[in-house]
Amino acid sequence: MKQLISILFFIFIYSSSFSQREKFDCHNISTTKLLNKYEQYKSYGLEIKKSGNGKTVDFMKEMILVFDYGELRQLCINAWGVVEENGENNCYLKFTNNFSSISKSAYLEDIDYIEILVLLNKEIKAKL
């Protein structure tokens, strides 16, 4: 009986870990999809714009456009690590505290791209 419980527990842990890895599909990260998700969520406080010399620069969009696949993939891996370390619920609460209110279901649906955008936002703000 103990063995059966141990096996079931292992299967549960493995399957929950696997489902999160499926969500963070870092091998198939797409600049186009990241740009689309940025456009969808920038009004939640992710946008970083600066004006000067009659021009406005959207730093988030510009960074997404210049990143190559390897850099985007690394951002995805880093975002997955943050969620893995802190848990989805804590990441959601942090997002709503630091950025804007969003339904938990919408956040969880796009957690991979939202957390990538959060990391990118943090990196840009640190350099400005």
C-alpha atoms as a PDB file:
ATOM      1  CA  MET A   1       0.000   0.000   0.000  1.00  0.00           C
ATOM      2  CA  LYS A   2       2.838   2.388   0.848  1.00  0.00           C
ATOM      3  CA  GLN A   3       4.443   1.672  -2.504  1.00  0.00           C
ATOM      4  CA  LEU A   4       1.202   2.428  -4.336  1.00  0.00           C
ATOM      5  CA  ILE A   5       0.825   5.755  -2.546  1.00  0.00           C
ATOM      6  CA  SER A   6       4.456   6.614  -3.301  1.00  0.00           C
ATOM      7  CA  ILE A   7       4.006   5.774  -6.967  1.00  0.00           C
ATOM      8  CA  LEU A   8       0.799   7.823  -7.207  1.00  0.00           C
ATOM      9  CA  PHE A   9       2.504  10.748  -5.491  1.00  0.00           C
ATOM     10  CA  PHE A  10       5.447  10.541  -7.903  1.00  0.00           C
ATOM     11  CA  ILE A  11       3.078  10.449 -10.896  1.00  0.00           C
ATOM     12  CA  PHE A  12       1.216  13.484  -9.570  1.00  0.00           C
ATOM     13  CA  ILE A  13       4.433  15.476  -9.055  1.00  0.00           C
ATOM     14  CA  TYR A  14       5.779  14.457 -12.466  1.00  0.00           C
ATOM     15  CA  SER A  15       2.553  15.298 -14.303  1.00  0.00           C
ATOM     16  CA  SER A  16       2.156  18.720 -12.663  1.00  0.00           C
ATOM     17  CA  SER A  17       5.790  19.540 -13.456  1.00  0.00           C
ATOM     18  CA  PHE A  18       5.360  18.312 -17.032  1.00  0.00           C
ATOM     19  CA  SER A  19       2.231  20.400 -17.606  1.00  0.00           C
ATOM     20  CA  GLN A  20       4.067  23.559 -16.553  1.00  0.00           C
ATOM     21  CA  ARG A  21       6.968  22.721 -18.863  1.00  0.00           C
ATOM     22  CA  GLU A  22       4.438  22.277 -21.668  1.00  0.00           C
ATOM     23  CA  LYS A  23       3.128  25.789 -21.014  1.00  0.00           C
ATOM     24  CA  PHE A  24       6.634  27.227 -21.168  1.00  0.00           C
ATOM     25  CA  ASP A  25       7.484  25.895 -24.613  1.00  0.00           C
ATOM     26  CA  CYS A  26      10.797  27.717 -24.814  1.00  0.00           C
ATOM     27  CA  HIS A  27      11.943  25.817 -27.901  1.00  0.00           C
ATOM     28  CA  ASN A  28       9.079  27.287 -29.916  1.00  0.00           C
ATOM     29  CA  ILE A  29       9.149  30.845 -28.601  1.00  0.00           C
ATOM     30  CA  SER A  30       8.057  33.284 -31.256  1.00  0.00           C
ATOM     31  CA  THR A  31       8.947  36.959 -31.623  1.00  0.00           C
ATOM     32  CA  THR A  32       5.654  37.489 -33.434  1.00  0.00           C
ATOM     33  CA  LYS A  33       3.609  35.893 -30.667  1.00  0.00           C
ATOM     34  CA  LEU A  34       5.564  37.772 -27.996  1.00  0.00           C
ATOM     35  CA  LEU A  35       4.868  41.054 -29.830  1.00  0.00           C
ATOM     36  CA  ASN A  36       1.180  40.152 -30.067  1.00  0.00           C
ATOM     37  CA  LYS A  37       1.030  39.333 -26.364  1.00  0.00           C
ATOM     38  CA  TYR A  38       2.877  42.560 -25.589  1.00  0.00           C
ATOM     39  CA  GLU A  39       0.288  44.538 -27.569  1.00  0.00           C
ATOM     40  CA  GLN A  40      -2.442  42.682 -25.686  1.00  0.00           C
ATOM     41  CA  TYR A  41      -0.988  43.295 -22.218  1.00  0.00           C
ATOM     42  CA  LYS A  42       1.000  46.539 -22.474  1.00  0.00           C
ATOM     43  CA  SER A  43      -1.901  48.525 -21.037  1.00  0.00           C
ATOM     44  CA  TYR A  44      -1.485  46.506 -17.829  1.00  0.00           C
ATOM     45  CA  GLY A  45       1.600  48.546 -16.990  1.00  0.00           C
ATOM     46  CA  LEU A  46       4.209  46.665 -18.993  1.00  0.00           C
ATOM     47  CA  GLU A  47       4.819  49.473 -21.477  1.00  0.00           C
ATOM     48  CA  ILE A  48       7.998  51.544 -21.145  1.00  0.00           C
ATOM     49  CA  LYS A  49       7.977  54.598 -23.393  1.00  0.00           C
ATOM     50  CA  LYS A  50      10.307  57.557 -23.425  1.00  0.00           C
ATOM     51  CA  SER A  51       9.911  60.735 -25.420  1.00  0.00           C
ATOM     52  CA  GLY A  52      12.632  63.015 -26.669  1.00  0.00           C
ATOM     53  CA  ASN A  53      13.544  65.009 -29.763  1.00  0.00           C
ATOM     54  CA  GLY A  54       9.965  64.801 -30.982  1.00  0.00           C
ATOM     55  CA  LYS A  55      10.012  60.988 -30.990  1.00  0.00           C
ATOM     56  CA  THR A  56       8.506  58.438 -28.647  1.00  0.00           C
ATOM     57  CA  VAL A  57      10.310  55.145 -28.263  1.00  0.00           C
ATOM     58  CA  ASP A  58       8.584  52.031 -26.972  1.00  0.00           C
ATOM     59  CA  PHE A  59      11.550  50.289 -25.320  1.00  0.00           C
ATOM     60  CA  MET A  60       9.709  47.023 -24.726  1.00  0.00           C
ATOM     61  CA  LYS A  61       8.731  46.688 -28.376  1.00  0.00           C
ATOM     62  CA  GLU A  62      12.190  47.662 -29.602  1.00  0.00           C
ATOM     63  CA  MET A  63      13.870  45.102 -27.348  1.00  0.00           C
ATOM     64  CA  ILE A  64      11.526  42.344 -28.487  1.00  0.00           C
ATOM     65  CA  LEU A  65      12.320  43.190 -32.104  1.00  0.00           C
ATOM     66  CA  VAL A  66      16.110  43.057 -31.667  1.00  0.00           C
ATOM     67  CA  PHE A  67      16.263  39.861 -29.620  1.00  0.00           C
ATOM     68  CA  ASP A  68      17.343  36.803 -31.519  1.00  0.00           C
ATOM     69  CA  TYR A  69      15.866  33.358 -30.928  1.00  0.00           C
ATOM     70  CA  GLY A  70      18.527  32.406 -28.385  1.00  0.00           C
ATOM     71  CA  GLU A  71      17.909  35.497 -26.274  1.00  0.00           C
ATOM     72  CA  LEU A  72      14.132  34.998 -26.361  1.00  0.00           C
ATOM     73  CA  ARG A  73      14.576  31.354 -25.465  1.00  0.00           C
ATOM     74  CA  GLN A  74      16.774  32.303 -22.497  1.00  0.00           C
ATOM     75  CA  LEU A  75      14.172  34.829 -21.316  1.00  0.00           C
ATOM     76  CA  CYS A  76      11.566  32.081 -21.528  1.00  0.00           C
ATOM     77  CA  ILE A  77      13.737  29.701 -19.507  1.00  0.00           C
ATOM     78  CA  ASN A  78      14.347  32.413 -16.909  1.00  0.00           C
ATOM     79  CA  ALA A  79      10.595  33.155 -16.703  1.00  0.00           C
ATOM     80  CA  TRP A  80       9.866  29.452 -16.285  1.00  0.00           C
ATOM     81  CA  GLY A  81      12.408  29.354 -13.461  1.00  0.00           C
ATOM     82  CA  VAL A  82      10.705  32.255 -11.683  1.00  0.00           C
ATOM     83  CA  VAL A  83       7.320  30.544 -11.881  1.00  0.00           C
ATOM     84  CA  GLU A  84       8.805  27.192 -10.873  1.00  0.00           C
ATOM     85  CA  GLU A  85      10.520  28.775  -7.852  1.00  0.00           C
ATOM     86  CA  ASN A  86       7.686  31.042  -6.676  1.00  0.00           C
ATOM     87  CA  GLY A  87       4.582  29.206  -7.867  1.00  0.00           C
ATOM     88  CA  GLU A  88       1.867  30.391 -10.213  1.00  0.00           C
ATOM     89  CA  ASN A  89      -0.257  31.934  -7.472  1.00  0.00           C
ATOM     90  CA  ASN A  90       2.580  34.031  -6.040  1.00  0.00           C
ATOM     91  CA  CYS A  91       3.575  35.188  -9.531  1.00  0.00           C
ATOM     92  CA  TYR A  92      -0.033  36.161 -10.206  1.00  0.00           C
ATOM     93  CA  LEU A  93      -0.252  38.127  -6.952  1.00  0.00           C
ATOM     94  CA  LYS A  94       3.048  39.854  -7.680  1.00  0.00           C
ATOM     95  CA  PHE A  95       1.838  40.804 -11.166  1.00  0.00           C
ATOM     96  CA  THR A  96      -1.402  42.290  -9.824  1.00  0.00           C
ATOM     97  CA  ASN A  97       0.507  44.185  -7.123  1.00  0.00           C
ATOM     98  CA  ASN A  98       3.265  45.537  -9.398  1.00  0.00           C
ATOM     99  CA  PHE A  99       1.378  46.075 -12.623  1.00  0.00           C
ATOM    100  CA  SER A 100      -2.387  45.865 -12.949  1.00  0.00           C
ATOM    101  CA  SER A 101      -5.422  43.830 -12.107  1.00  0.00           C
ATOM    102  CA  ILE A 102      -6.044  40.884 -14.412  1.00  0.00           C
ATOM    103  CA  SER A 103      -8.269  37.866 -14.010  1.00  0.00           C
ATOM    104  CA  LYS A 104      -6.398  34.864 -12.731  1.00  0.00           C
ATOM    105  CA  SER A 105      -7.660  32.714 -15.591  1.00  0.00           C
ATOM    106  CA  ALA A 106      -6.377  35.205 -18.206  1.00  0.00           C
ATOM    107  CA  TYR A 107      -3.037  35.422 -16.398  1.00  0.00           C
ATOM    108  CA  LEU A 108      -2.646  31.651 -16.187  1.00  0.00           C
ATOM    109  CA  GLU A 109      -3.647  31.206 -19.822  1.00  0.00           C
ATOM    110  CA  ASP A 110      -0.719  33.383 -20.929  1.00  0.00           C
ATOM    111  CA  ILE A 111       1.586  32.973 -17.936  1.00  0.00           C
ATOM    112  CA  ASP A 112       4.534  32.091 -20.147  1.00  0.00           C
ATOM    113  CA  TYR A 113       4.434  35.211 -22.290  1.00  0.00           C
ATOM    114  CA  ILE A 114       3.311  37.480 -19.424  1.00  0.00           C
ATOM    115  CA  GLU A 115       6.236  36.388 -17.240  1.00  0.00           C
ATOM    116  CA  ILE A 116       8.655  36.845 -20.140  1.00  0.00           C
ATOM    117  CA  LEU A 117       7.320  40.392 -20.534  1.00  0.00           C
ATOM    118  CA  VAL A 118       7.631  40.992 -16.783  1.00  0.00           C
ATOM    119  CA  LEU A 119      11.308  39.926 -16.855  1.00  0.00           C
ATOM    120  CA  LEU A 120      11.989  42.075 -19.908  1.00  0.00           C
ATOM    121  CA  ASN A 121      10.264  45.040 -18.261  1.00  0.00           C
ATOM    122  CA  LYS A 122      12.392  44.572 -15.146  1.00  0.00           C
ATOM    123  CA  GLU A 123      15.617  44.374 -17.178  1.00  0.00           C
ATOM    124  CA  ILE A 124      14.823  47.519 -19.153  1.00  0.00           C
ATOM    125  CA  LYS A 125      13.884  49.511 -16.052  1.00  0.00           C
ATOM    126  CA  ALA A 126      17.163  48.476 -14.399  1.00  0.00           C
ATOM    127  CA  LYS A 127      19.114  49.888 -17.346  1.00  0.00           C
ATOM    128  CA  LEU A 128      17.228  53.184 -17.682  1.00  0.00           C
END
